[in-house]
Amino acid sequence: MSDKLIAFETVFQKQKSKLIESGALTLEQIDETIDLFLKNKSDIRLHYHKIICKKDKCRRSITVLYTDQSYKILLSEQSGMVIFVFIGHHNRYDRINKNC
């Protein structure tokens, strides 16, 4: 497991709950994705990459496992800390990053 501090923004937590309630994602998919990221962020299944963002130079993206790349997690990876910012469908993810 990672020795980094881990935080979840309130928006991330609310979106996560909504996606689980609607049946779009399962808690297991989300937890497994986060666990894999913390253990091995370079795992090819995560499609881990940097997002060019003027507001957050530490912004990164991963794909939620077992979703055909339709759902993404945005995070801010700073030295010693990971903040999970957003989880949602790729279309909304694109809109958020467009104005970054």
PDB file of N, CA and C in Angstrom:
ATOM      1  N   MET A   1       0.843  -1.184   0.000  1.00  0.00           N
ATOM      2  CA  MET A   1       0.000   0.000   0.000  1.00  0.00           C
ATOM      3  C   MET A   1       0.886   1.244   0.000  1.00  0.00           C
ATOM      4  N   SER A   2       0.349   2.327  -0.460  1.00  0.00           N
ATOM      5  CA  SER A   2       1.088   3.570  -0.582  1.00  0.00           C
ATOM      6  C   SER A   2       1.312   4.212   0.784  1.00  0.00           C
ATOM      7  N   ASP A   3       2.431   4.918   0.901  1.00  0.00           N
ATOM      8  CA  ASP A   3       2.692   5.643   2.131  1.00  0.00           C
ATOM      9  C   ASP A   3       2.265   7.101   2.011  1.00  0.00           C
ATOM     10  N   LYS A   4       1.555   7.433   0.942  1.00  0.00           N
ATOM     11  CA  LYS A   4       1.069   8.786   0.733  1.00  0.00           C
ATOM     12  C   LYS A   4      -0.226   9.014   1.517  1.00  0.00           C
ATOM     13  N   LEU A   5      -0.446  10.248   1.918  1.00  0.00           N
ATOM     14  CA  LEU A   5      -1.709  10.642   2.511  1.00  0.00           C
ATOM     15  C   LEU A   5      -2.759  10.636   1.416  1.00  0.00           C
ATOM     16  N   ILE A   6      -3.948  10.188   1.720  1.00  0.00           N
ATOM     17  CA  ILE A   6      -5.007  10.087   0.723  1.00  0.00           C
ATOM     18  C   ILE A   6      -6.206  10.902   1.206  1.00  0.00           C
ATOM     19  N   ALA A   7      -6.749  11.724   0.299  1.00  0.00           N
ATOM     20  CA  ALA A   7      -7.916  12.542   0.625  1.00  0.00           C
ATOM     21  C   ALA A   7      -8.919  12.461  -0.515  1.00  0.00           C
ATOM     22  N   PHE A   8     -10.187  12.634  -0.166  1.00  0.00           N
ATOM     23  CA  PHE A   8     -11.266  12.622  -1.150  1.00  0.00           C
ATOM     24  C   PHE A   8     -12.044  13.922  -1.010  1.00  0.00           C
ATOM     25  N   GLU A   9     -12.154  14.669  -2.105  1.00  0.00           N
ATOM     26  CA  GLU A   9     -12.965  15.880  -2.072  1.00  0.00           C
ATOM     27  C   GLU A   9     -14.429  15.493  -1.903  1.00  0.00           C
ATOM     28  N   THR A  10     -15.202  16.382  -1.331  1.00  0.00           N
ATOM     29  CA  THR A  10     -16.619  16.143  -1.091  1.00  0.00           C
ATOM     30  C   THR A  10     -17.352  15.830  -2.389  1.00  0.00           C
ATOM     31  N   VAL A  11     -17.007  16.535  -3.449  1.00  0.00           N
ATOM     32  CA  VAL A  11     -17.637  16.311  -4.756  1.00  0.00           C
ATOM     33  C   VAL A  11     -17.378  14.879  -5.225  1.00  0.00           C
ATOM     34  N   PHE A  12     -16.161  14.397  -5.040  1.00  0.00           N
ATOM     35  CA  PHE A  12     -15.830  13.023  -5.420  1.00  0.00           C
ATOM     36  C   PHE A  12     -16.728  12.043  -4.661  1.00  0.00           C
ATOM     37  N   GLN A  13     -16.862  12.240  -3.359  1.00  0.00           N
ATOM     38  CA  GLN A  13     -17.662  11.332  -2.527  1.00  0.00           C
ATOM     39  C   GLN A  13     -19.134  11.331  -2.971  1.00  0.00           C
ATOM     40  N   LYS A  14     -19.682  12.506  -3.263  1.00  0.00           N
ATOM     41  CA  LYS A  14     -21.078  12.604  -3.706  1.00  0.00           C
ATOM     42  C   LYS A  14     -21.276  11.922  -5.058  1.00  0.00           C
ATOM     43  N   GLN A  15     -20.360  12.169  -5.994  1.00  0.00           N
ATOM     44  CA  GLN A  15     -20.464  11.558  -7.315  1.00  0.00           C
ATOM     45  C   GLN A  15     -20.339  10.043  -7.217  1.00  0.00           C
ATOM     46  N   LYS A  16     -19.437   9.584  -6.380  1.00  0.00           N
ATOM     47  CA  LYS A  16     -19.248   8.147  -6.166  1.00  0.00           C
ATOM     48  C   LYS A  16     -20.543   7.508  -5.680  1.00  0.00           C
ATOM     49  N   SER A  17     -21.176   8.128  -4.696  1.00  0.00           N
ATOM     50  CA  SER A  17     -22.443   7.595  -4.159  1.00  0.00           C
ATOM     51  C   SER A  17     -23.526   7.550  -5.228  1.00  0.00           C
ATOM     52  N   LYS A  18     -23.629   8.608  -6.012  1.00  0.00           N
ATOM     53  CA  LYS A  18     -24.645   8.655  -7.072  1.00  0.00           C
ATOM     54  C   LYS A  18     -24.414   7.576  -8.123  1.00  0.00           C
ATOM     55  N   LEU A  19     -23.155   7.379  -8.508  1.00  0.00           N
ATOM     56  CA  LEU A  19     -22.845   6.361  -9.517  1.00  0.00           C
ATOM     57  C   LEU A  19     -23.151   4.958  -9.009  1.00  0.00           C
ATOM     58  N   ILE A  20     -22.902   4.719  -7.738  1.00  0.00           N
ATOM     59  CA  ILE A  20     -23.200   3.411  -7.153  1.00  0.00           C
ATOM     60  C   ILE A  20     -24.710   3.215  -7.035  1.00  0.00           C
ATOM     61  N   GLU A  21     -25.419   4.245  -6.548  1.00  0.00           N
ATOM     62  CA  GLU A  21     -26.882   4.160  -6.406  1.00  0.00           C
ATOM     63  C   GLU A  21     -27.562   3.922  -7.751  1.00  0.00           C
ATOM     64  N   SER A  22     -27.059   4.554  -8.798  1.00  0.00           N
ATOM     65  CA  SER A  22     -27.682   4.419 -10.122  1.00  0.00           C
ATOM     66  C   SER A  22     -27.323   3.093 -10.793  1.00  0.00           C
ATOM     67  N   GLY A  23     -26.335   2.406 -10.266  1.00  0.00           N
ATOM     68  CA  GLY A  23     -25.910   1.147 -10.866  1.00  0.00           C
ATOM     69  C   GLY A  23     -24.894   1.308 -11.987  1.00  0.00           C
ATOM     70  N   ALA A  24     -24.442   2.539 -12.208  1.00  0.00           N
ATOM     71  CA  ALA A  24     -23.457   2.782 -13.264  1.00  0.00           C
ATOM     72  C   ALA A  24     -22.113   2.152 -12.921  1.00  0.00           C
ATOM     73  N   LEU A  25     -21.744   2.195 -11.652  1.00  0.00           N
ATOM     74  CA  LEU A  25     -20.512   1.590 -11.171  1.00  0.00           C
ATOM     75  C   LEU A  25     -20.800   0.850  -9.870  1.00  0.00           C
ATOM     76  N   THR A  26     -19.911  -0.067  -9.520  1.00  0.00           N
ATOM     77  CA  THR A  26     -20.041  -0.748  -8.236  1.00  0.00           C
ATOM     78  C   THR A  26     -18.953  -0.229  -7.295  1.00  0.00           C
ATOM     79  N   LEU A  27     -19.205  -0.377  -6.021  1.00  0.00           N
ATOM     80  CA  LEU A  27     -18.213  -0.003  -5.024  1.00  0.00           C
ATOM     81  C   LEU A  27     -16.928  -0.794  -5.243  1.00  0.00           C
ATOM     82  N   GLU A  28     -17.072  -2.053  -5.623  1.00  0.00           N
ATOM     83  CA  GLU A  28     -15.910  -2.908  -5.855  1.00  0.00           C
ATOM     84  C   GLU A  28     -15.048  -2.373  -7.001  1.00  0.00           C
ATOM     85  N   GLN A  29     -15.689  -1.921  -8.098  1.00  0.00           N
ATOM     86  CA  GLN A  29     -14.932  -1.367  -9.231  1.00  0.00           C
ATOM     87  C   GLN A  29     -14.119  -0.151  -8.789  1.00  0.00           C
ATOM     88  N   ILE A  30     -14.756   0.716  -8.047  1.00  0.00           N
ATOM     89  CA  ILE A  30     -14.093   1.947  -7.611  1.00  0.00           C
ATOM     90  C   ILE A  30     -12.965   1.636  -6.635  1.00  0.00           C
ATOM     91  N   ASP A  31     -13.270   0.822  -5.637  1.00  0.00           N
ATOM     92  CA  ASP A  31     -12.252   0.479  -4.639  1.00  0.00           C
ATOM     93  C   ASP A  31     -11.073  -0.259  -5.254  1.00  0.00           C
ATOM     94  N   GLU A  32     -11.354  -1.186  -6.162  1.00  0.00           N
ATOM     95  CA  GLU A  32     -10.284  -1.935  -6.816  1.00  0.00           C
ATOM     96  C   GLU A  32      -9.409  -1.009  -7.660  1.00  0.00           C
ATOM     97  N   THR A  33     -10.031  -0.037  -8.324  1.00  0.00           N
ATOM     98  CA  THR A  33      -9.285   0.931  -9.136  1.00  0.00           C
ATOM     99  C   THR A  33      -8.361   1.762  -8.255  1.00  0.00           C
ATOM    100  N   ILE A  34      -8.891   2.275  -7.156  1.00  0.00           N
ATOM    101  CA  ILE A  34      -8.090   3.102  -6.246  1.00  0.00           C
ATOM    102  C   ILE A  34      -6.969   2.280  -5.620  1.00  0.00           C
ATOM    103  N   ASP A  35      -7.288   1.053  -5.191  1.00  0.00           N
ATOM    104  CA  ASP A  35      -6.262   0.179  -4.603  1.00  0.00           C
ATOM    105  C   ASP A  35      -5.136  -0.110  -5.598  1.00  0.00           C
ATOM    106  N   LEU A  36      -5.511  -0.411  -6.837  1.00  0.00           N
ATOM    107  CA  LEU A  36      -4.497  -0.686  -7.853  1.00  0.00           C
ATOM    108  C   LEU A  36      -3.629   0.546  -8.091  1.00  0.00           C
ATOM    109  N   PHE A  37      -4.259   1.707  -8.152  1.00  0.00           N
ATOM    110  CA  PHE A  37      -3.504   2.949  -8.334  1.00  0.00           C
ATOM    111  C   PHE A  37      -2.489   3.138  -7.210  1.00  0.00           C
ATOM    112  N   LEU A  38      -2.918   2.909  -5.983  1.00  0.00           N
ATOM    113  CA  LEU A  38      -2.029   3.107  -4.838  1.00  0.00           C
ATOM    114  C   LEU A  38      -0.896   2.088  -4.804  1.00  0.00           C
ATOM    115  N   LYS A  39      -1.151   0.899  -5.335  1.00  0.00           N
ATOM    116  CA  LYS A  39      -0.117  -0.137  -5.357  1.00  0.00           C
ATOM    117  C   LYS A  39       0.812  -0.013  -6.563  1.00  0.00           C
ATOM    118  N   ASN A  40       0.214   0.310  -7.739  1.00  0.00           N
ATOM    119  CA  ASN A  40       0.993   0.312  -8.980  1.00  0.00           C
ATOM    120  C   ASN A  40       0.327   1.225 -10.011  1.00  0.00           C
ATOM    121  N   LYS A  41       0.587   2.510  -9.897  1.00  0.00           N
ATOM    122  CA  LYS A  41      -0.093   3.458 -10.794  1.00  0.00           C
ATOM    123  C   LYS A  41       0.289   3.280 -12.259  1.00  0.00           C
ATOM    124  N   SER A  42       1.366   2.583 -12.529  1.00  0.00           N
ATOM    125  CA  SER A  42       1.768   2.377 -13.922  1.00  0.00           C
ATOM    126  C   SER A  42       1.105   1.153 -14.562  1.00  0.00           C
ATOM    127  N   ASP A  43       0.221   0.474 -13.833  1.00  0.00           N
ATOM    128  CA  ASP A  43      -0.501  -0.666 -14.406  1.00  0.00           C
ATOM    129  C   ASP A  43      -1.266  -0.185 -15.634  1.00  0.00           C
ATOM    130  N   ILE A  44      -1.091  -0.879 -16.734  1.00  0.00           N
ATOM    131  CA  ILE A  44      -1.654  -0.445 -18.023  1.00  0.00           C
ATOM    132  C   ILE A  44      -3.179  -0.333 -17.998  1.00  0.00           C
ATOM    133  N   ARG A  45      -3.836  -1.100 -17.155  1.00  0.00           N
ATOM    134  CA  ARG A  45      -5.312  -1.057 -17.093  1.00  0.00           C
ATOM    135  C   ARG A  45      -5.840   0.294 -16.606  1.00  0.00           C
ATOM    136  N   LEU A  46      -5.019   1.056 -15.897  1.00  0.00           N
ATOM    137  CA  LEU A  46      -5.454   2.341 -15.357  1.00  0.00           C
ATOM    138  C   LEU A  46      -5.380   3.479 -16.369  1.00  0.00           C
ATOM    139  N   HIS A  47      -4.593   3.313 -17.405  1.00  0.00           N
ATOM    140  CA  HIS A  47      -4.384   4.391 -18.395  1.00  0.00           C
ATOM    141  C   HIS A  47      -4.009   5.695 -17.689  1.00  0.00           C
ATOM    142  N   TYR A  48      -3.100   5.604 -16.742  1.00  0.00           N
ATOM    143  CA  TYR A  48      -2.633   6.733 -15.934  1.00  0.00           C
ATOM    144  C   TYR A  48      -1.917   7.739 -16.820  1.00  0.00           C
ATOM    145  N   HIS A  49      -2.340   8.997 -16.725  1.00  0.00           N
ATOM    146  CA  HIS A  49      -1.640  10.023 -17.490  1.00  0.00           C
ATOM    147  C   HIS A  49      -1.852  11.413 -16.890  1.00  0.00           C
ATOM    148  N   LYS A  50      -0.952  12.295 -17.274  1.00  0.00           N
ATOM    149  CA  LYS A  50      -0.987  13.681 -16.820  1.00  0.00           C
ATOM    150  C   LYS A  50      -2.016  14.464 -17.624  1.00  0.00           C
ATOM    151  N   ILE A  51      -2.694  15.373 -16.955  1.00  0.00           N
ATOM    152  CA  ILE A  51      -3.638  16.282 -17.601  1.00  0.00           C
ATOM    153  C   ILE A  51      -3.005  17.671 -17.609  1.00  0.00           C
ATOM    154  N   ILE A  52      -2.971  18.309 -18.756  1.00  0.00           N
ATOM    155  CA  ILE A  52      -2.423  19.662 -18.832  1.00  0.00           C
ATOM    156  C   ILE A  52      -3.484  20.619 -18.297  1.00  0.00           C
ATOM    157  N   CYS A  53      -3.155  21.248 -17.179  1.00  0.00           N
ATOM    158  CA  CYS A  53      -4.109  22.101 -16.485  1.00  0.00           C
ATOM    159  C   CYS A  53      -3.363  23.275 -15.861  1.00  0.00           C
ATOM    160  N   LYS A  54      -3.784  24.488 -16.186  1.00  0.00           N
ATOM    161  CA  LYS A  54      -3.146  25.677 -15.624  1.00  0.00           C
ATOM    162  C   LYS A  54      -3.460  25.838 -14.140  1.00  0.00           C
ATOM    163  N   LYS A  55      -4.645  25.395 -13.725  1.00  0.00           N
ATOM    164  CA  LYS A  55      -5.080  25.556 -12.335  1.00  0.00           C
ATOM    165  C   LYS A  55      -4.473  24.527 -11.393  1.00  0.00           C
ATOM    166  N   ASP A  56      -4.118  23.357 -11.919  1.00  0.00           N
ATOM    167  CA  ASP A  56      -3.587  22.274 -11.090  1.00  0.00           C
ATOM    168  C   ASP A  56      -2.497  21.539 -11.876  1.00  0.00           C
ATOM    169  N   LYS A  57      -1.268  21.905 -11.648  1.00  0.00           N
ATOM    170  CA  LYS A  57      -0.132  21.306 -12.371  1.00  0.00           C
ATOM    171  C   LYS A  57       0.077  19.838 -12.003  1.00  0.00           C
ATOM    172  N   CYS A  58      -0.583  19.359 -10.953  1.00  0.00           N
ATOM    173  CA  CYS A  58      -0.411  17.980 -10.471  1.00  0.00           C
ATOM    174  C   CYS A  58      -1.577  17.077 -10.869  1.00  0.00           C
ATOM    175  N   ARG A  59      -2.450  17.546 -11.757  1.00  0.00           N
ATOM    176  CA  ARG A  59      -3.638  16.787 -12.133  1.00  0.00           C
ATOM    177  C   ARG A  59      -3.282  15.577 -12.979  1.00  0.00           C
ATOM    178  N   ARG A  60      -3.900  14.452 -12.621  1.00  0.00           N
ATOM    179  CA  ARG A  60      -3.698  13.178 -13.314  1.00  0.00           C
ATOM    180  C   ARG A  60      -5.056  12.522 -13.531  1.00  0.00           C
ATOM    181  N   SER A  61      -5.069  11.504 -14.379  1.00  0.00           N
ATOM    182  CA  SER A  61      -6.300  10.793 -14.684  1.00  0.00           C
ATOM    183  C   SER A  61      -6.047   9.293 -14.690  1.00  0.00           C
ATOM    184  N   ILE A  62      -7.042   8.538 -14.221  1.00  0.00           N
ATOM    185  CA  ILE A  62      -7.033   7.082 -14.349  1.00  0.00           C
ATOM    186  C   ILE A  62      -8.412   6.632 -14.801  1.00  0.00           C
ATOM    187  N   THR A  63      -8.452   5.451 -15.398  1.00  0.00           N
ATOM    188  CA  THR A  63      -9.702   4.868 -15.863  1.00  0.00           C
ATOM    189  C   THR A  63     -10.213   3.891 -14.814  1.00  0.00           C
ATOM    190  N   VAL A  64     -11.520   3.967 -14.527  1.00  0.00           N
ATOM    191  CA  VAL A  64     -12.126   3.008 -13.609  1.00  0.00           C
ATOM    192  C   VAL A  64     -12.108   1.641 -14.285  1.00  0.00           C
ATOM    193  N   LEU A  65     -11.662   0.625 -13.553  1.00  0.00           N
ATOM    194  CA  LEU A  65     -11.529  -0.724 -14.103  1.00  0.00           C
ATOM    195  C   LEU A  65     -12.868  -1.302 -14.546  1.00  0.00           C
ATOM    196  N   TYR A  66     -12.826  -2.092 -15.598  1.00  0.00           N
ATOM    197  CA  TYR A  66     -13.974  -2.857 -16.106  1.00  0.00           C
ATOM    198  C   TYR A  66     -15.113  -1.976 -16.604  1.00  0.00           C
ATOM    199  N   THR A  67     -14.790  -0.836 -17.223  1.00  0.00           N
ATOM    200  CA  THR A  67     -15.834   0.054 -17.722  1.00  0.00           C
ATOM    201  C   THR A  67     -15.660   0.444 -19.181  1.00  0.00           C
ATOM    202  N   ASP A  68     -14.738  -0.167 -19.890  1.00  0.00           N
ATOM    203  CA  ASP A  68     -14.493   0.196 -21.290  1.00  0.00           C
ATOM    204  C   ASP A  68     -14.036   1.650 -21.425  1.00  0.00           C
ATOM    205  N   GLN A  69     -13.349   2.163 -20.436  1.00  0.00           N
ATOM    206  CA  GLN A  69     -12.804   3.521 -20.409  1.00  0.00           C
ATOM    207  C   GLN A  69     -13.874   4.601 -20.415  1.00  0.00           C
ATOM    208  N   SER A  70     -15.102   4.272 -20.048  1.00  0.00           N
ATOM    209  CA  SER A  70     -16.167   5.268 -20.035  1.00  0.00           C
ATOM    210  C   SER A  70     -16.173   6.112 -18.763  1.00  0.00           C
ATOM    211  N   TYR A  71     -15.583   5.607 -17.693  1.00  0.00           N
ATOM    212  CA  TYR A  71     -15.577   6.336 -16.425  1.00  0.00           C
ATOM    213  C   TYR A  71     -14.147   6.628 -16.006  1.00  0.00           C
ATOM    214  N   LYS A  72     -13.936   7.868 -15.571  1.00  0.00           N
ATOM    215  CA  LYS A  72     -12.606   8.348 -15.216  1.00  0.00           C
ATOM    216  C   LYS A  72     -12.580   8.873 -13.789  1.00  0.00           C
ATOM    217  N   ILE A  73     -11.382   8.855 -13.235  1.00  0.00           N
ATOM    218  CA  ILE A  73     -11.121   9.481 -11.944  1.00  0.00           C
ATOM    219  C   ILE A  73     -10.041  10.525 -12.169  1.00  0.00           C
ATOM    220  N   LEU A  74     -10.327  11.755 -11.738  1.00  0.00           N
ATOM    221  CA  LEU A  74      -9.322  12.809 -11.752  1.00  0.00           C
ATOM    222  C   LEU A  74      -8.747  12.909 -10.354  1.00  0.00           C
ATOM    223  N   LEU A  75      -7.450  13.095 -10.289  1.00  0.00           N
ATOM    224  CA  LEU A  75      -6.805  13.227  -8.990  1.00  0.00           C
ATOM    225  C   LEU A  75      -5.681  14.235  -9.089  1.00  0.00           C
ATOM    226  N   SER A  76      -5.303  14.745  -7.942  1.00  0.00           N
ATOM    227  CA  SER A  76      -4.168  15.647  -7.863  1.00  0.00           C
ATOM    228  C   SER A  76      -3.111  14.930  -7.048  1.00  0.00           C
ATOM    229  N   GLU A  77      -1.984  14.655  -7.694  1.00  0.00           N
ATOM    230  CA  GLU A  77      -0.928  13.880  -7.056  1.00  0.00           C
ATOM    231  C   GLU A  77       0.237  14.803  -6.712  1.00  0.00           C
ATOM    232  N   GLN A  78       0.299  15.131  -5.446  1.00  0.00           N
ATOM    233  CA  GLN A  78       1.354  16.008  -4.968  1.00  0.00           C
ATOM    234  C   GLN A  78       2.325  15.200  -4.131  1.00  0.00           C
ATOM    235  N   SER A  79       3.458  15.769  -3.839  1.00  0.00           N
ATOM    236  CA  SER A  79       4.465  15.034  -3.074  1.00  0.00           C
ATOM    237  C   SER A  79       3.895  14.661  -1.710  1.00  0.00           C
ATOM    238  N   GLY A  80       3.804  13.367  -1.476  1.00  0.00           N
ATOM    239  CA  GLY A  80       3.318  12.873  -0.193  1.00  0.00           C
ATOM    240  C   GLY A  80       1.811  12.837  -0.041  1.00  0.00           C
ATOM    241  N   MET A  81       1.050  13.228  -1.083  1.00  0.00           N
ATOM    242  CA  MET A  81      -0.404  13.273  -0.949  1.00  0.00           C
ATOM    243  C   MET A  81      -1.103  13.044  -2.287  1.00  0.00           C
ATOM    244  N   VAL A  82      -2.223  12.331  -2.225  1.00  0.00           N
ATOM    245  CA  VAL A  82      -3.081  12.138  -3.394  1.00  0.00           C
ATOM    246  C   VAL A  82      -4.477  12.608  -3.011  1.00  0.00           C
ATOM    247  N   ILE A  83      -5.033  13.519  -3.819  1.00  0.00           N
ATOM    248  CA  ILE A  83      -6.388  14.016  -3.580  1.00  0.00           C
ATOM    249  C   ILE A  83      -7.253  13.569  -4.749  1.00  0.00           C
ATOM    250  N   PHE A  84      -8.277  12.769  -4.455  1.00  0.00           N
ATOM    251  CA  PHE A  84      -9.213  12.325  -5.477  1.00  0.00           C
ATOM    252  C   PHE A  84     -10.263  13.417  -5.650  1.00  0.00           C
ATOM    253  N   VAL A  85     -10.349  13.952  -6.867  1.00  0.00           N
ATOM    254  CA  VAL A  85     -11.124  15.151  -7.140  1.00  0.00           C
ATOM    255  C   VAL A  85     -12.471  14.856  -7.786  1.00  0.00           C
ATOM    256  N   PHE A  86     -12.506  13.956  -8.767  1.00  0.00           N
ATOM    257  CA  PHE A  86     -13.706  13.735  -9.585  1.00  0.00           C
ATOM    258  C   PHE A  86     -13.787  12.281  -9.993  1.00  0.00           C
ATOM    259  N   ILE A  87     -14.995  11.770 -10.058  1.00  0.00           N
ATOM    260  CA  ILE A  87     -15.255  10.468 -10.666  1.00  0.00           C
ATOM    261  C   ILE A  87     -16.520  10.612 -11.484  1.00  0.00           C
ATOM    262  N   GLY A  88     -16.465  10.171 -12.719  1.00  0.00           N
ATOM    263  CA  GLY A  88     -17.655  10.291 -13.558  1.00  0.00           C
ATOM    264  C   GLY A  88     -17.420   9.816 -14.972  1.00  0.00           C
ATOM    265  N   HIS A  89     -18.456   9.981 -15.770  1.00  0.00           N
ATOM    266  CA  HIS A  89     -18.435   9.558 -17.165  1.00  0.00           C
ATOM    267  C   HIS A  89     -17.449  10.411 -17.957  1.00  0.00           C
ATOM    268  N   HIS A  90     -16.906   9.821 -18.982  1.00  0.00           N
ATOM    269  CA  HIS A  90     -15.876  10.470 -19.800  1.00  0.00           C
ATOM    270  C   HIS A  90     -16.354  11.804 -20.379  1.00  0.00           C
ATOM    271  N   ASN A  91     -17.628  11.925 -20.737  1.00  0.00           N
ATOM    272  CA  ASN A  91     -18.134  13.181 -21.314  1.00  0.00           C
ATOM    273  C   ASN A  91     -18.006  14.340 -20.322  1.00  0.00           C
ATOM    274  N   ARG A  92     -18.378  14.106 -19.081  1.00  0.00           N
ATOM    275  CA  ARG A  92     -18.279  15.158 -18.055  1.00  0.00           C
ATOM    276  C   ARG A  92     -16.811  15.454 -17.751  1.00  0.00           C
ATOM    277  N   TYR A  93     -16.020  14.433 -17.720  1.00  0.00           N
ATOM    278  CA  TYR A  93     -14.570  14.546 -17.505  1.00  0.00           C
ATOM    279  C   TYR A  93     -13.964  15.474 -18.562  1.00  0.00           C
ATOM    280  N   ASP A  94     -14.367  15.295 -19.821  1.00  0.00           N
ATOM    281  CA  ASP A  94     -13.864  16.164 -20.899  1.00  0.00           C
ATOM    282  C   ASP A  94     -14.251  17.619 -20.674  1.00  0.00           C
ATOM    283  N   ARG A  95     -15.494  17.864 -20.235  1.00  0.00           N
ATOM    284  CA  ARG A  95     -15.946  19.246 -19.985  1.00  0.00           C
ATOM    285  C   ARG A  95     -15.150  19.876 -18.843  1.00  0.00           C
ATOM    286  N   ILE A  96     -14.892  19.120 -17.798  1.00  0.00           N
ATOM    287  CA  ILE A  96     -14.137  19.651 -16.662  1.00  0.00           C
ATOM    288  C   ILE A  96     -12.710  20.025 -17.095  1.00  0.00           C
ATOM    289  N   ASN A  97     -12.084  19.170 -17.869  1.00  0.00           N
ATOM    290  CA  ASN A  97     -10.705  19.423 -18.288  1.00  0.00           C
ATOM    291  C   ASN A  97     -10.590  20.480 -19.366  1.00  0.00           C
ATOM    292  N   LYS A  98     -11.661  20.720 -20.104  1.00  0.00           N
ATOM    293  CA  LYS A  98     -11.631  21.718 -21.162  1.00  0.00           C
ATOM    294  C   LYS A  98     -11.383  23.114 -20.582  1.00  0.00           C
ATOM    295  N   ASN A  99     -11.979  23.387 -19.420  1.00  0.00           N
ATOM    296  CA  ASN A  99     -11.852  24.708 -18.790  1.00  0.00           C
ATOM    297  C   ASN A  99     -10.757  24.759 -17.732  1.00  0.00           C
ATOM    298  N   CYS A 100      -9.854  23.838 -17.810  1.00  0.00           N
ATOM    299  CA  CYS A 100      -8.812  23.751 -16.817  1.00  0.00           C
ATOM    300  C   CYS A 100      -7.739  24.741 -17.174  1.00  0.00           C
TER     301      CYS A 100
END
